[in-house]
Amino acid sequence: MRRCTVPVAILLVWQGVVASGWVPRASLPSPAAVAEAWWIWIFGPVTSLSWYSGTWGLYVLMSLRRVIVGFAIAAGAGVGLGVLIGWYAAVEDLFDGVINFLRAVPMTAWVPFAVFFFGIHESAAVFLIAFGSFFPVVVNAAAGARQTPRILIRAARMLGTRPRKLLVRVVLPAALPAIFTGLRVGLGLAWVLVIVAEMLAVQGGLGYALWSAYQFSRLDLILAAIASVGILGLGSDRLVVAGAGRVLRWQRGLTGL
């Protein structure tokens, strides 16, 4: 119940501010008005006279597919390269400078490049999502691998683990807490980037709907789109947290959680 306290309080304050007339309804629609527009967006009949009625499910699927594909690429490449950077000095010398150079460039700066190179196409959105989500994953994976306790490495060697197997049997498991942190940050960034990509680089999706609502001055639909992205982002984050809880069960006894 405590998790609902702040959202419910925000809705009550929002409703009170609009009902009292402190803010014009044209500037801030009430929660009820947003809910009504959202309902039509989800369950309304699909007609040629309305650009948004009944299209919510399709747009969610489009955005979700782009996030899944882009984030999967970022997660696979980021974890693999990050662990290697954290464990092998030669790999760090080769890639660390380039990664830190690229991640200092704002992702919005890559939008013109993506549109020019890929065109107004699905691959432009996937590129932006994968490229932007890659950096928090690789940085956290590298940090986790570097912080592998030396006592674990010595113990593994004493038990007969071959040097070439230390990476998989010792370093990777020790880096998992940091890896999951990077995955959570990267996934949150993936939802940010899918909106940017759909507003500027592709057609369709929640970002496209948000931009269309802005062009038609539909603040109720803008807020509904923002809430939709927030709910999807929260749900996907909870899935990663649940996966981390299952994989890192061994950590509970060490941290007291």
C-alpha atoms as a PDB file:
ATOM      1  CA  MET A   1       0.000   0.000   0.000  1.00  0.00           C
ATOM      2  CA  ARG A   2       2.832   2.414   0.738  1.00  0.00           C
ATOM      3  CA  ARG A   3       3.956   2.226  -2.886  1.00  0.00           C
ATOM      4  CA  CYS A   4       0.615   3.730  -3.957  1.00  0.00           C
ATOM      5  CA  THR A   5       0.699   6.614  -1.477  1.00  0.00           C
ATOM      6  CA  VAL A   6       2.692   9.097  -3.558  1.00  0.00           C
ATOM      7  CA  PRO A   7       0.919   8.379  -6.914  1.00  0.00           C
ATOM      8  CA  VAL A   8      -2.512   8.687  -5.272  1.00  0.00           C
ATOM      9  CA  ALA A   9      -1.448  11.909  -3.538  1.00  0.00           C
ATOM     10  CA  ILE A  10      -0.233  13.362  -6.852  1.00  0.00           C
ATOM     11  CA  LEU A  11      -3.555  12.522  -8.539  1.00  0.00           C
ATOM     12  CA  LEU A  12      -5.556  14.071  -5.683  1.00  0.00           C
ATOM     13  CA  VAL A  13      -3.489  17.272  -5.723  1.00  0.00           C
ATOM     14  CA  TRP A  14      -3.711  17.416  -9.505  1.00  0.00           C
ATOM     15  CA  GLN A  15      -7.505  17.004  -9.402  1.00  0.00           C
ATOM     16  CA  GLY A  16      -7.798  19.620  -6.666  1.00  0.00           C
ATOM     17  CA  VAL A  17      -5.706  22.171  -8.546  1.00  0.00           C
ATOM     18  CA  VAL A  18      -7.783  21.768 -11.722  1.00  0.00           C
ATOM     19  CA  ALA A  19     -11.135  21.733  -9.879  1.00  0.00           C
ATOM     20  CA  SER A  20     -10.259  24.872  -7.945  1.00  0.00           C
ATOM     21  CA  GLY A  21      -9.523  26.776 -11.141  1.00  0.00           C
ATOM     22  CA  TRP A  22      -5.981  27.696 -10.151  1.00  0.00           C
ATOM     23  CA  VAL A  23      -4.842  26.370 -13.528  1.00  0.00           C
ATOM     24  CA  PRO A  24      -7.025  26.652 -16.654  1.00  0.00           C
ATOM     25  CA  ARG A  25      -8.274  23.324 -17.973  1.00  0.00           C
ATOM     26  CA  ALA A  26      -6.848  24.252 -21.372  1.00  0.00           C
ATOM     27  CA  SER A  27      -3.383  24.347 -19.778  1.00  0.00           C
ATOM     28  CA  LEU A  28      -3.805  21.277 -17.555  1.00  0.00           C
ATOM     29  CA  PRO A  29      -6.610  18.756 -18.149  1.00  0.00           C
ATOM     30  CA  SER A  30      -7.974  16.910 -15.138  1.00  0.00           C
ATOM     31  CA  PRO A  31      -7.032  13.282 -14.408  1.00  0.00           C
ATOM     32  CA  ALA A  32     -10.567  12.308 -15.422  1.00  0.00           C
ATOM     33  CA  ALA A  33     -10.161  13.999 -18.811  1.00  0.00           C
ATOM     34  CA  VAL A  34      -6.825  12.253 -19.363  1.00  0.00           C
ATOM     35  CA  ALA A  35      -8.369   8.912 -18.374  1.00  0.00           C
ATOM     36  CA  GLU A  36     -11.269   9.464 -20.806  1.00  0.00           C
ATOM     37  CA  ALA A  37      -8.919  10.301 -23.692  1.00  0.00           C
ATOM     38  CA  TRP A  38      -6.724   7.338 -22.767  1.00  0.00           C
ATOM     39  CA  TRP A  39      -9.757   5.028 -22.767  1.00  0.00           C
ATOM     40  CA  ILE A  40     -10.728   6.151 -26.273  1.00  0.00           C
ATOM     41  CA  TRP A  41      -7.129   5.760 -27.397  1.00  0.00           C
ATOM     42  CA  ILE A  42      -7.119   2.159 -26.150  1.00  0.00           C
ATOM     43  CA  PHE A  43     -10.663   0.901 -26.742  1.00  0.00           C
ATOM     44  CA  GLY A  44     -12.186   3.375 -29.188  1.00  0.00           C
ATOM     45  CA  PRO A  45     -13.212   2.315 -32.704  1.00  0.00           C
ATOM     46  CA  VAL A  46     -10.584   2.629 -35.396  1.00  0.00           C
ATOM     47  CA  THR A  47     -11.817   5.137 -37.948  1.00  0.00           C
ATOM     48  CA  SER A  48     -10.288   7.251 -40.671  1.00  0.00           C
ATOM     49  CA  LEU A  49     -11.699  10.365 -38.972  1.00  0.00           C
ATOM     50  CA  SER A  50      -9.666   9.894 -35.785  1.00  0.00           C
ATOM     51  CA  TRP A  51      -5.902   9.415 -35.856  1.00  0.00           C
ATOM     52  CA  TYR A  52      -5.676   8.064 -32.304  1.00  0.00           C
ATOM     53  CA  SER A  53      -8.865   6.124 -31.506  1.00  0.00           C
ATOM     54  CA  GLY A  54      -8.112   2.434 -30.977  1.00  0.00           C
ATOM     55  CA  THR A  55      -4.432   2.706 -31.918  1.00  0.00           C
ATOM     56  CA  TRP A  56      -2.841   2.455 -28.446  1.00  0.00           C
ATOM     57  CA  GLY A  57      -2.213  -1.307 -28.577  1.00  0.00           C
ATOM     58  CA  LEU A  58      -0.554  -1.100 -31.995  1.00  0.00           C
ATOM     59  CA  TYR A  59       1.698   1.775 -30.919  1.00  0.00           C
ATOM     60  CA  VAL A  60       2.670  -0.024 -27.706  1.00  0.00           C
ATOM     61  CA  LEU A  61       3.639  -3.130 -29.659  1.00  0.00           C
ATOM     62  CA  MET A  62       5.740  -1.070 -32.067  1.00  0.00           C
ATOM     63  CA  SER A  63       7.603   0.702 -29.271  1.00  0.00           C
ATOM     64  CA  LEU A  64       7.995  -2.502 -27.265  1.00  0.00           C
ATOM     65  CA  ARG A  65       9.465  -4.369 -30.238  1.00  0.00           C
ATOM     66  CA  ARG A  66      12.016  -1.623 -30.854  1.00  0.00           C
ATOM     67  CA  VAL A  67      13.030  -1.513 -27.195  1.00  0.00           C
ATOM     68  CA  ILE A  68      13.395  -5.303 -26.970  1.00  0.00           C
ATOM     69  CA  VAL A  69      15.527  -5.586 -30.096  1.00  0.00           C
ATOM     70  CA  GLY A  70      17.712  -2.565 -29.353  1.00  0.00           C
ATOM     71  CA  PHE A  71      18.179  -3.411 -25.683  1.00  0.00           C
ATOM     72  CA  ALA A  72      18.966  -7.059 -26.444  1.00  0.00           C
ATOM     73  CA  ILE A  73      21.777  -5.946 -28.760  1.00  0.00           C
ATOM     74  CA  ALA A  74      23.069  -3.476 -26.167  1.00  0.00           C
ATOM     75  CA  ALA A  75      22.898  -6.004 -23.331  1.00  0.00           C
ATOM     76  CA  GLY A  76      24.701  -8.757 -25.219  1.00  0.00           C
ATOM     77  CA  ALA A  77      27.466  -6.522 -26.537  1.00  0.00           C
ATOM     78  CA  GLY A  78      27.761  -4.469 -23.350  1.00  0.00           C
ATOM     79  CA  VAL A  79      28.050  -7.380 -20.937  1.00  0.00           C
ATOM     80  CA  GLY A  80      30.469  -9.318 -23.125  1.00  0.00           C
ATOM     81  CA  LEU A  81      32.792  -6.422 -23.874  1.00  0.00           C
ATOM     82  CA  GLY A  82      32.483  -4.937 -20.394  1.00  0.00           C
ATOM     83  CA  VAL A  83      33.625  -8.105 -18.644  1.00  0.00           C
ATOM     84  CA  LEU A  84      36.562  -8.404 -21.029  1.00  0.00           C
ATOM     85  CA  ILE A  85      37.534  -4.761 -20.433  1.00  0.00           C
ATOM     86  CA  GLY A  86      37.393  -5.239 -16.689  1.00  0.00           C
ATOM     87  CA  TRP A  87      39.439  -8.424 -16.697  1.00  0.00           C
ATOM     88  CA  TYR A  88      42.021  -8.000 -19.454  1.00  0.00           C
ATOM     89  CA  ALA A  89      44.260  -4.911 -19.415  1.00  0.00           C
ATOM     90  CA  ALA A  90      44.943  -5.227 -23.144  1.00  0.00           C
ATOM     91  CA  VAL A  91      41.232  -5.065 -23.984  1.00  0.00           C
ATOM     92  CA  GLU A  92      40.835  -2.075 -21.677  1.00  0.00           C
ATOM     93  CA  ASP A  93      43.675  -0.264 -23.430  1.00  0.00           C
ATOM     94  CA  LEU A  94      42.013  -0.889 -26.800  1.00  0.00           C
ATOM     95  CA  PHE A  95      38.421   0.080 -26.013  1.00  0.00           C
ATOM     96  CA  ASP A  96      38.163   2.132 -22.830  1.00  0.00           C
ATOM     97  CA  GLY A  97      39.180   5.449 -24.405  1.00  0.00           C
ATOM     98  CA  VAL A  98      36.892   5.005 -27.413  1.00  0.00           C
ATOM     99  CA  ILE A  99      33.909   4.077 -25.233  1.00  0.00           C
ATOM    100  CA  ASN A 100      34.366   7.053 -22.942  1.00  0.00           C
ATOM    101  CA  PHE A 101      34.760   9.347 -25.962  1.00  0.00           C
ATOM    102  CA  LEU A 102      31.546   8.109 -27.578  1.00  0.00           C
ATOM    103  CA  ARG A 103      29.436   8.082 -24.443  1.00  0.00           C
ATOM    104  CA  ALA A 104      30.267  11.742 -23.823  1.00  0.00           C
ATOM    105  CA  VAL A 105      28.368  12.654 -27.010  1.00  0.00           C
ATOM    106  CA  PRO A 106      24.634  13.310 -26.300  1.00  0.00           C
ATOM    107  CA  MET A 107      22.431  10.714 -27.938  1.00  0.00           C
ATOM    108  CA  THR A 108      20.297  13.394 -29.572  1.00  0.00           C
ATOM    109  CA  ALA A 109      23.379  14.339 -31.581  1.00  0.00           C
ATOM    110  CA  TRP A 110      23.238  10.914 -33.219  1.00  0.00           C
ATOM    111  CA  VAL A 111      19.666  11.342 -34.457  1.00  0.00           C
ATOM    112  CA  PRO A 112      20.621  13.216 -37.686  1.00  0.00           C
ATOM    113  CA  PHE A 113      23.301  10.611 -38.365  1.00  0.00           C
ATOM    114  CA  ALA A 114      20.835   7.752 -37.847  1.00  0.00           C
ATOM    115  CA  VAL A 115      18.242   9.346 -40.139  1.00  0.00           C
ATOM    116  CA  PHE A 116      20.841  10.150 -42.798  1.00  0.00           C
ATOM    117  CA  PHE A 117      22.433   6.681 -42.668  1.00  0.00           C
ATOM    118  CA  PHE A 118      19.352   4.464 -42.166  1.00  0.00           C
ATOM    119  CA  GLY A 119      16.597   6.737 -43.432  1.00  0.00           C
ATOM    120  CA  ILE A 120      13.113   6.958 -41.869  1.00  0.00           C
ATOM    121  CA  HIS A 121      13.237   3.271 -41.079  1.00  0.00           C
ATOM    122  CA  GLU A 122      12.937   0.830 -38.198  1.00  0.00           C
ATOM    123  CA  SER A 123      16.691   0.279 -38.164  1.00  0.00           C
ATOM    124  CA  ALA A 124      17.267   3.933 -37.243  1.00  0.00           C
ATOM    125  CA  ALA A 125      15.290   3.505 -34.013  1.00  0.00           C
ATOM    126  CA  VAL A 126      16.984   0.206 -33.191  1.00  0.00           C
ATOM    127  CA  PHE A 127      20.406   1.771 -33.750  1.00  0.00           C
ATOM    128  CA  LEU A 128      19.692   4.705 -31.435  1.00  0.00           C
ATOM    129  CA  ILE A 129      18.293   2.444 -28.700  1.00  0.00           C
ATOM    130  CA  ALA A 130      21.105  -0.103 -28.920  1.00  0.00           C
ATOM    131  CA  PHE A 131      23.842   2.503 -29.156  1.00  0.00           C
ATOM    132  CA  GLY A 132      22.578   4.584 -26.249  1.00  0.00           C
ATOM    133  CA  SER A 133      21.765   1.655 -23.952  1.00  0.00           C
ATOM    134  CA  PHE A 134      25.134   0.035 -24.593  1.00  0.00           C
ATOM    135  CA  PHE A 135      27.214   2.508 -22.572  1.00  0.00           C
ATOM    136  CA  PRO A 136      25.719   2.090 -19.071  1.00  0.00           C
ATOM    137  CA  VAL A 137      25.789  -1.679 -19.540  1.00  0.00           C
ATOM    138  CA  VAL A 138      29.425  -1.870 -20.642  1.00  0.00           C
ATOM    139  CA  VAL A 139      30.655   0.596 -17.998  1.00  0.00           C
ATOM    140  CA  ASN A 140      28.926  -1.240 -15.139  1.00  0.00           C
ATOM    141  CA  ALA A 141      29.990  -4.667 -16.400  1.00  0.00           C
ATOM    142  CA  ALA A 142      33.610  -3.499 -16.602  1.00  0.00           C
ATOM    143  CA  ALA A 143      33.453  -2.051 -13.097  1.00  0.00           C
ATOM    144  CA  GLY A 144      31.985  -5.276 -11.748  1.00  0.00           C
ATOM    145  CA  ALA A 145      34.693  -7.389 -13.370  1.00  0.00           C
ATOM    146  CA  ARG A 146      37.460  -5.127 -12.024  1.00  0.00           C
ATOM    147  CA  GLN A 147      36.104  -5.454  -8.504  1.00  0.00           C
ATOM    148  CA  THR A 148      36.219  -9.242  -8.427  1.00  0.00           C
ATOM    149  CA  PRO A 149      37.628 -10.122  -4.963  1.00  0.00           C
ATOM    150  CA  ARG A 150      41.130 -11.505  -5.313  1.00  0.00           C
ATOM    151  CA  ILE A 151      40.398 -14.008  -2.583  1.00  0.00           C
ATOM    152  CA  LEU A 152      37.835 -15.650  -4.868  1.00  0.00           C
ATOM    153  CA  ILE A 153      40.383 -15.914  -7.659  1.00  0.00           C
ATOM    154  CA  ARG A 154      42.996 -17.441  -5.336  1.00  0.00           C
ATOM    155  CA  ALA A 155      40.443 -19.870  -3.951  1.00  0.00           C
ATOM    156  CA  ALA A 156      39.388 -20.947  -7.433  1.00  0.00           C
ATOM    157  CA  ARG A 157      42.993 -21.532  -8.444  1.00  0.00           C
ATOM    158  CA  MET A 158      43.650 -23.550  -5.306  1.00  0.00           C
ATOM    159  CA  LEU A 159      40.631 -25.713  -6.190  1.00  0.00           C
ATOM    160  CA  GLY A 160      42.100 -26.420  -9.614  1.00  0.00           C
ATOM    161  CA  THR A 161      40.217 -23.978 -11.849  1.00  0.00           C
ATOM    162  CA  ARG A 162      42.209 -23.374 -14.997  1.00  0.00           C
ATOM    163  CA  PRO A 163      43.162 -19.741 -15.772  1.00  0.00           C
ATOM    164  CA  ARG A 164      41.129 -19.626 -18.969  1.00  0.00           C
ATOM    165  CA  LYS A 165      37.997 -20.685 -17.056  1.00  0.00           C
ATOM    166  CA  LEU A 166      38.305 -18.070 -14.321  1.00  0.00           C
ATOM    167  CA  LEU A 167      36.491 -15.521 -16.455  1.00  0.00           C
ATOM    168  CA  VAL A 168      33.328 -17.598 -16.721  1.00  0.00           C
ATOM    169  CA  ARG A 169      33.372 -19.362 -13.358  1.00  0.00           C
ATOM    170  CA  VAL A 170      34.582 -16.574 -11.085  1.00  0.00           C
ATOM    171  CA  VAL A 171      34.714 -13.127 -12.711  1.00  0.00           C
ATOM    172  CA  LEU A 172      31.343 -13.183 -14.457  1.00  0.00           C
ATOM    173  CA  PRO A 173      29.368 -14.379 -11.383  1.00  0.00           C
ATOM    174  CA  ALA A 174      31.161 -11.816  -9.181  1.00  0.00           C
ATOM    175  CA  ALA A 175      30.293  -9.046 -11.643  1.00  0.00           C
ATOM    176  CA  LEU A 176      26.583  -9.920 -11.842  1.00  0.00           C
ATOM    177  CA  PRO A 177      25.357  -7.349  -9.277  1.00  0.00           C
ATOM    178  CA  ALA A 178      27.040  -4.547 -11.213  1.00  0.00           C
ATOM    179  CA  ILE A 179      25.844  -6.027 -14.514  1.00  0.00           C
ATOM    180  CA  PHE A 180      22.217  -5.992 -13.390  1.00  0.00           C
ATOM    181  CA  THR A 181      22.616  -2.387 -12.265  1.00  0.00           C
ATOM    182  CA  GLY A 182      23.863  -1.504 -15.740  1.00  0.00           C
ATOM    183  CA  LEU A 183      20.998  -3.415 -17.334  1.00  0.00           C
ATOM    184  CA  ARG A 184      18.449  -1.466 -15.311  1.00  0.00           C
ATOM    185  CA  VAL A 185      20.021   1.864 -16.234  1.00  0.00           C
ATOM    186  CA  GLY A 186      20.352   0.826 -19.876  1.00  0.00           C
ATOM    187  CA  LEU A 187      16.741  -0.349 -20.063  1.00  0.00           C
ATOM    188  CA  GLY A 188      15.487   2.940 -18.633  1.00  0.00           C
ATOM    189  CA  LEU A 189      17.538   4.783 -21.228  1.00  0.00           C
ATOM    190  CA  ALA A 190      16.117   2.525 -23.954  1.00  0.00           C
ATOM    191  CA  TRP A 191      12.618   3.816 -23.188  1.00  0.00           C
ATOM    192  CA  VAL A 192      13.878   7.392 -23.354  1.00  0.00           C
ATOM    193  CA  LEU A 193      15.531   6.766 -26.697  1.00  0.00           C
ATOM    194  CA  VAL A 194      12.578   4.976 -28.271  1.00  0.00           C
ATOM    195  CA  ILE A 195      10.490   8.106 -27.720  1.00  0.00           C
ATOM    196  CA  VAL A 196      13.201  10.304 -29.232  1.00  0.00           C
ATOM    197  CA  ALA A 197      13.563   7.954 -32.199  1.00  0.00           C
ATOM    198  CA  GLU A 198       9.822   7.713 -32.831  1.00  0.00           C
ATOM    199  CA  MET A 199       9.405  11.475 -32.668  1.00  0.00           C
ATOM    200  CA  LEU A 200      12.183  12.180 -35.162  1.00  0.00           C
ATOM    201  CA  ALA A 201      13.452   9.085 -36.972  1.00  0.00           C
ATOM    202  CA  VAL A 202      10.562   6.644 -37.542  1.00  0.00           C
ATOM    203  CA  GLN A 203       6.790   6.592 -37.831  1.00  0.00           C
ATOM    204  CA  GLY A 204       4.502   4.807 -35.411  1.00  0.00           C
ATOM    205  CA  GLY A 205       4.895   4.034 -31.717  1.00  0.00           C
ATOM    206  CA  LEU A 206       4.220   5.958 -28.522  1.00  0.00           C
ATOM    207  CA  GLY A 207       6.714   8.676 -29.384  1.00  0.00           C
ATOM    208  CA  TYR A 208       5.011   9.206 -32.728  1.00  0.00           C
ATOM    209  CA  ALA A 209       1.646   9.407 -30.953  1.00  0.00           C
ATOM    210  CA  LEU A 210       3.045  11.880 -28.432  1.00  0.00           C
ATOM    211  CA  TRP A 211       4.359  14.151 -31.165  1.00  0.00           C
ATOM    212  CA  SER A 212       1.085  13.892 -33.093  1.00  0.00           C
ATOM    213  CA  ALA A 213      -0.834  14.852 -29.931  1.00  0.00           C
ATOM    214  CA  TYR A 214       1.417  17.893 -29.567  1.00  0.00           C
ATOM    215  CA  GLN A 215       0.743  18.949 -33.161  1.00  0.00           C
ATOM    216  CA  PHE A 216      -3.024  18.710 -32.518  1.00  0.00           C
ATOM    217  CA  SER A 217      -2.694  20.489 -29.119  1.00  0.00           C
ATOM    218  CA  ARG A 218      -4.070  17.454 -27.265  1.00  0.00           C
ATOM    219  CA  LEU A 219      -2.464  17.769 -23.850  1.00  0.00           C
ATOM    220  CA  ASP A 220      -4.689  14.998 -22.487  1.00  0.00           C
ATOM    221  CA  LEU A 221      -3.215  12.545 -25.007  1.00  0.00           C
ATOM    222  CA  ILE A 222       0.302  13.856 -24.354  1.00  0.00           C
ATOM    223  CA  LEU A 223      -0.115  13.023 -20.667  1.00  0.00           C
ATOM    224  CA  ALA A 224      -1.655   9.649 -21.540  1.00  0.00           C
ATOM    225  CA  ALA A 225       1.343   8.842 -23.745  1.00  0.00           C
ATOM    226  CA  ILE A 226       3.760   9.894 -20.993  1.00  0.00           C
ATOM    227  CA  ALA A 227       1.912   7.707 -18.494  1.00  0.00           C
ATOM    228  CA  SER A 228       1.970   4.788 -20.950  1.00  0.00           C
ATOM    229  CA  VAL A 229       5.742   5.016 -21.327  1.00  0.00           C
ATOM    230  CA  GLY A 230       6.165   5.274 -17.561  1.00  0.00           C
ATOM    231  CA  ILE A 231       4.054   2.176 -16.941  1.00  0.00           C
ATOM    232  CA  LEU A 232       5.890   0.166 -19.586  1.00  0.00           C
ATOM    233  CA  GLY A 233       9.262   1.330 -18.268  1.00  0.00           C
ATOM    234  CA  LEU A 234       8.316   0.443 -14.696  1.00  0.00           C
ATOM    235  CA  GLY A 235       7.028  -2.968 -15.750  1.00  0.00           C
ATOM    236  CA  SER A 236      10.175  -3.828 -17.707  1.00  0.00           C
ATOM    237  CA  ASP A 237      12.351  -2.647 -14.815  1.00  0.00           C
ATOM    238  CA  ARG A 238      10.424  -4.898 -12.418  1.00  0.00           C
ATOM    239  CA  LEU A 239      11.124  -7.830 -14.732  1.00  0.00           C
ATOM    240  CA  VAL A 240      14.867  -7.136 -14.591  1.00  0.00           C
ATOM    241  CA  VAL A 241      14.704  -6.771 -10.795  1.00  0.00           C
ATOM    242  CA  ALA A 242      12.829 -10.074 -10.544  1.00  0.00           C
ATOM    243  CA  GLY A 243      15.418 -11.773 -12.747  1.00  0.00           C
ATOM    244  CA  ALA A 244      18.216 -10.323 -10.655  1.00  0.00           C
ATOM    245  CA  GLY A 245      16.524 -11.562  -7.499  1.00  0.00           C
ATOM    246  CA  ARG A 246      16.451 -15.114  -8.831  1.00  0.00           C
ATOM    247  CA  VAL A 247      19.989 -15.077 -10.207  1.00  0.00           C
ATOM    248  CA  LEU A 248      21.494 -13.338  -7.169  1.00  0.00           C
ATOM    249  CA  ARG A 249      19.811 -15.420  -4.468  1.00  0.00           C
ATOM    250  CA  TRP A 250      23.260 -16.313  -3.157  1.00  0.00           C
ATOM    251  CA  GLN A 251      23.860 -12.640  -2.374  1.00  0.00           C
ATOM    252  CA  ARG A 252      21.074 -12.351   0.190  1.00  0.00           C
ATOM    253  CA  GLY A 253      22.991 -14.176   2.853  1.00  0.00           C
ATOM    254  CA  LEU A 254      26.006 -11.886   2.297  1.00  0.00           C
ATOM    255  CA  THR A 255      24.139  -8.580   2.308  1.00  0.00           C
ATOM    256  CA  GLY A 256      21.448  -9.350   4.837  1.00  0.00           C
ATOM    257  CA  LEU A 257      18.660  -8.580   2.311  1.00  0.00           C
END
